[in-house]
C-alpha atoms as a PDB file:
ATOM      1  CA  UNK A   1    -105.731 -47.181 -97.512  1.00  0.00           C
ATOM      2  CA  UNK A   2    -107.460 -45.007 -94.909  1.00  0.00           C
ATOM      3  CA  UNK A   3    -106.438 -41.443 -94.130  1.00  0.00           C
ATOM      4  CA  UNK A   4    -104.800 -40.449 -90.858  1.00  0.00           C
ATOM      5  CA  UNK A   5    -107.124 -39.053 -88.188  1.00  0.00           C
ATOM      6  CA  UNK A   6    -105.875 -35.618 -87.128  1.00  0.00           C
ATOM      7  CA  UNK A   7    -106.711 -33.264 -84.284  1.00  0.00           C
ATOM      8  CA  UNK A   8    -108.775 -31.283 -86.781  1.00  0.00           C
ATOM      9  CA  UNK A   9    -110.787 -34.421 -87.634  1.00  0.00           C
ATOM     10  CA  UNK A  10    -111.398 -35.083 -83.937  1.00  0.00           C
ATOM     11  CA  UNK A  11    -112.436 -31.470 -83.337  1.00  0.00           C
ATOM     12  CA  UNK A  12    -114.819 -31.633 -86.306  1.00  0.00           C
ATOM     13  CA  UNK A  13    -116.348 -34.846 -84.938  1.00  0.00           C
ATOM     14  CA  UNK A  14    -116.892 -33.180 -81.547  1.00  0.00           C
ATOM     15  CA  UNK A  15    -118.417 -30.177 -83.319  1.00  0.00           C
ATOM     16  CA  UNK A  16    -120.817 -32.428 -85.273  1.00  0.00           C
ATOM     17  CA  UNK A  17    -121.786 -34.695 -82.367  1.00  0.00           C
ATOM     18  CA  UNK A  18    -121.825 -32.368 -79.350  1.00  0.00           C
ATOM     19  CA  UNK A  19    -122.744 -29.070 -80.922  1.00  0.00           C
ATOM     20  CA  UNK A  20    -120.017 -26.925 -79.396  1.00  0.00           C
ATOM     21  CA  UNK A  21    -118.551 -24.207 -81.590  1.00  0.00           C
ATOM     22  CA  UNK A  22    -115.622 -25.227 -83.782  1.00  0.00           C
ATOM     23  CA  UNK A  23    -113.210 -23.294 -81.520  1.00  0.00           C
ATOM     24  CA  UNK A  24    -114.653 -24.848 -78.355  1.00  0.00           C
ATOM     25  CA  UNK A  25    -114.458 -28.299 -79.965  1.00  0.00           C
ATOM     26  CA  UNK A  26    -110.803 -27.778 -80.894  1.00  0.00           C
ATOM     27  CA  UNK A  27    -110.023 -26.560 -77.362  1.00  0.00           C
ATOM     28  CA  UNK A  28    -111.785 -29.587 -75.848  1.00  0.00           C
ATOM     29  CA  UNK A  29    -109.824 -32.039 -78.016  1.00  0.00           C
ATOM     30  CA  UNK A  30    -106.574 -30.228 -77.204  1.00  0.00           C
ATOM     31  CA  UNK A  31    -107.394 -30.291 -73.476  1.00  0.00           C
ATOM     32  CA  UNK A  32    -108.097 -34.040 -73.498  1.00  0.00           C
ATOM     33  CA  UNK A  33    -104.886 -34.817 -75.419  1.00  0.00           C
ATOM     34  CA  UNK A  34    -102.849 -32.604 -73.055  1.00  0.00           C
ATOM     35  CA  UNK A  35    -104.334 -34.383 -70.018  1.00  0.00           C
ATOM     36  CA  UNK A  36    -103.459 -37.791 -71.491  1.00  0.00           C
ATOM     37  CA  UNK A  37     -99.908 -36.696 -72.334  1.00  0.00           C
ATOM     38  CA  UNK A  38     -99.368 -35.129 -68.889  1.00  0.00           C
ATOM     39  CA  UNK A  39    -100.468 -38.322 -67.154  1.00  0.00           C
ATOM     40  CA  UNK A  40     -98.137 -40.424 -69.294  1.00  0.00           C
ATOM     41  CA  UNK A  41     -95.199 -38.078 -68.598  1.00  0.00           C
ATOM     42  CA  UNK A  42     -95.853 -38.603 -64.874  1.00  0.00           C
ATOM     43  CA  UNK A  43     -95.684 -42.364 -65.419  1.00  0.00           C
ATOM     44  CA  UNK A  44     -99.387 -42.949 -64.876  1.00  0.00           C
ATOM     45  CA  UNK A  45    -101.454 -45.335 -67.004  1.00  0.00           C
ATOM     46  CA  UNK A  46    -104.330 -43.921 -69.020  1.00  0.00           C
ATOM     47  CA  UNK A  47    -107.286 -46.253 -69.442  1.00  0.00           C
ATOM     48  CA  UNK A  48    -110.052 -45.334 -71.864  1.00  0.00           C
ATOM     49  CA  UNK A  49    -112.948 -47.697 -71.270  1.00  0.00           C
ATOM     50  CA  UNK A  50    -113.872 -49.872 -74.289  1.00  0.00           C
ATOM     51  CA  UNK A  51    -110.825 -48.522 -76.155  1.00  0.00           C
ATOM     52  CA  UNK A  52    -107.593 -49.469 -74.408  1.00  0.00           C
ATOM     53  CA  UNK A  53    -104.817 -48.591 -71.996  1.00  0.00           C
ATOM     54  CA  UNK A  54    -101.732 -46.462 -72.577  1.00  0.00           C
ATOM     55  CA  UNK A  55     -98.772 -47.133 -70.282  1.00  0.00           C
ATOM     56  CA  UNK A  56     -95.147 -46.025 -70.134  1.00  0.00           C
ATOM     57  CA  UNK A  57     -92.569 -48.776 -69.729  1.00  0.00           C
ATOM     58  CA  UNK A  58     -88.904 -48.447 -68.830  1.00  0.00           C
ATOM     59  CA  UNK A  59     -86.572 -50.348 -71.148  1.00  0.00           C
ATOM     60  CA  UNK A  60     -83.091 -51.073 -69.908  1.00  0.00           C
ATOM     61  CA  UNK A  61     -79.823 -50.372 -71.644  1.00  0.00           C
ATOM     62  CA  UNK A  62     -78.810 -53.053 -74.138  1.00  0.00           C
ATOM     63  CA  UNK A  63     -76.433 -53.778 -76.962  1.00  0.00           C
ATOM     64  CA  UNK A  64     -77.846 -53.552 -80.482  1.00  0.00           C
ATOM     65  CA  UNK A  65     -76.310 -54.290 -83.831  1.00  0.00           C
ATOM     66  CA  UNK A  66     -76.008 -52.097 -86.924  1.00  0.00           C
ATOM     67  CA  UNK A  67     -77.714 -54.250 -89.588  1.00  0.00           C
ATOM     68  CA  UNK A  68     -75.442 -52.973 -92.385  1.00  0.00           C
ATOM     69  CA  UNK A  69     -72.066 -53.351 -90.703  1.00  0.00           C
ATOM     70  CA  UNK A  70     -72.813 -55.844 -87.914  1.00  0.00           C
ATOM     71  CA  UNK A  71     -71.089 -53.445 -85.510  1.00  0.00           C
ATOM     72  CA  UNK A  72     -72.338 -53.589 -81.912  1.00  0.00           C
ATOM     73  CA  UNK A  73     -73.891 -50.317 -80.735  1.00  0.00           C
ATOM     74  CA  UNK A  74     -75.009 -49.501 -77.176  1.00  0.00           C
ATOM     75  CA  UNK A  75     -78.682 -48.531 -76.900  1.00  0.00           C
ATOM     76  CA  UNK A  76     -79.400 -46.287 -73.908  1.00  0.00           C
ATOM     77  CA  UNK A  77     -82.201 -47.026 -71.460  1.00  0.00           C
ATOM     78  CA  UNK A  78     -85.391 -45.208 -72.325  1.00  0.00           C
ATOM     79  CA  UNK A  79     -89.091 -44.964 -71.637  1.00  0.00           C
ATOM     80  CA  UNK A  80     -91.459 -46.303 -74.297  1.00  0.00           C
ATOM     81  CA  UNK A  81     -95.186 -45.841 -74.791  1.00  0.00           C
ATOM     82  CA  UNK A  82     -97.219 -49.044 -74.902  1.00  0.00           C
ATOM     83  CA  UNK A  83    -100.855 -49.349 -76.011  1.00  0.00           C
ATOM     84  CA  UNK A  84    -102.985 -52.360 -75.114  1.00  0.00           C
ATOM     85  CA  UNK A  85    -106.314 -52.368 -76.921  1.00  0.00           C
ATOM     86  CA  UNK A  86    -109.390 -53.465 -74.992  1.00  0.00           C
ATOM     87  CA  UNK A  87    -111.237 -56.645 -75.940  1.00  0.00           C
ATOM     88  CA  UNK A  88    -114.142 -54.453 -77.066  1.00  0.00           C
ATOM     89  CA  UNK A  89    -111.875 -52.609 -79.524  1.00  0.00           C
ATOM     90  CA  UNK A  90    -110.284 -55.865 -80.726  1.00  0.00           C
ATOM     91  CA  UNK A  91    -113.709 -57.408 -81.319  1.00  0.00           C
ATOM     92  CA  UNK A  92    -114.885 -54.275 -83.135  1.00  0.00           C
ATOM     93  CA  UNK A  93    -111.816 -54.288 -85.402  1.00  0.00           C
ATOM     94  CA  UNK A  94    -112.137 -57.995 -86.150  1.00  0.00           C
ATOM     95  CA  UNK A  95    -115.855 -57.635 -86.914  1.00  0.00           C
ATOM     96  CA  UNK A  96    -115.016 -54.784 -89.306  1.00  0.00           C
ATOM     97  CA  UNK A  97    -112.368 -56.904 -91.024  1.00  0.00           C
ATOM     98  CA  UNK A  98    -114.785 -59.808 -91.573  1.00  0.00           C
ATOM     99  CA  UNK A  99    -117.375 -57.422 -93.047  1.00  0.00           C
ATOM    100  CA  UNK A 100    -114.742 -56.056 -95.456  1.00  0.00           C
ATOM    101  CA  UNK A 101    -113.833 -59.563 -96.631  1.00  0.00           C
ATOM    102  CA  UNK A 102    -117.474 -60.607 -97.005  1.00  0.00           C
ATOM    103  CA  UNK A 103    -118.611 -57.448 -98.772  1.00  0.00           C
END
């Protein structure tokens, strides 16, 4: 199983690829993530070309059920984050999966 990619991993990748200092790389990653989060909080979609689109969707109030007791429980309306991968990303993932099975 693969490891989780962290902010530190992203900052290190920027450091290796772009050549900024480690501090500048960490600040750049933090700035990009803050910009994405701020846009989503405002209800805007964030599209990253060849990667995918993040959107916030409003879900209405509904009645759920406690699986243990069967008791009905109201679930409040809320906003949820939705990610739709691009076809490029899907194709890349599927190509990687077929290489893993073949190799």
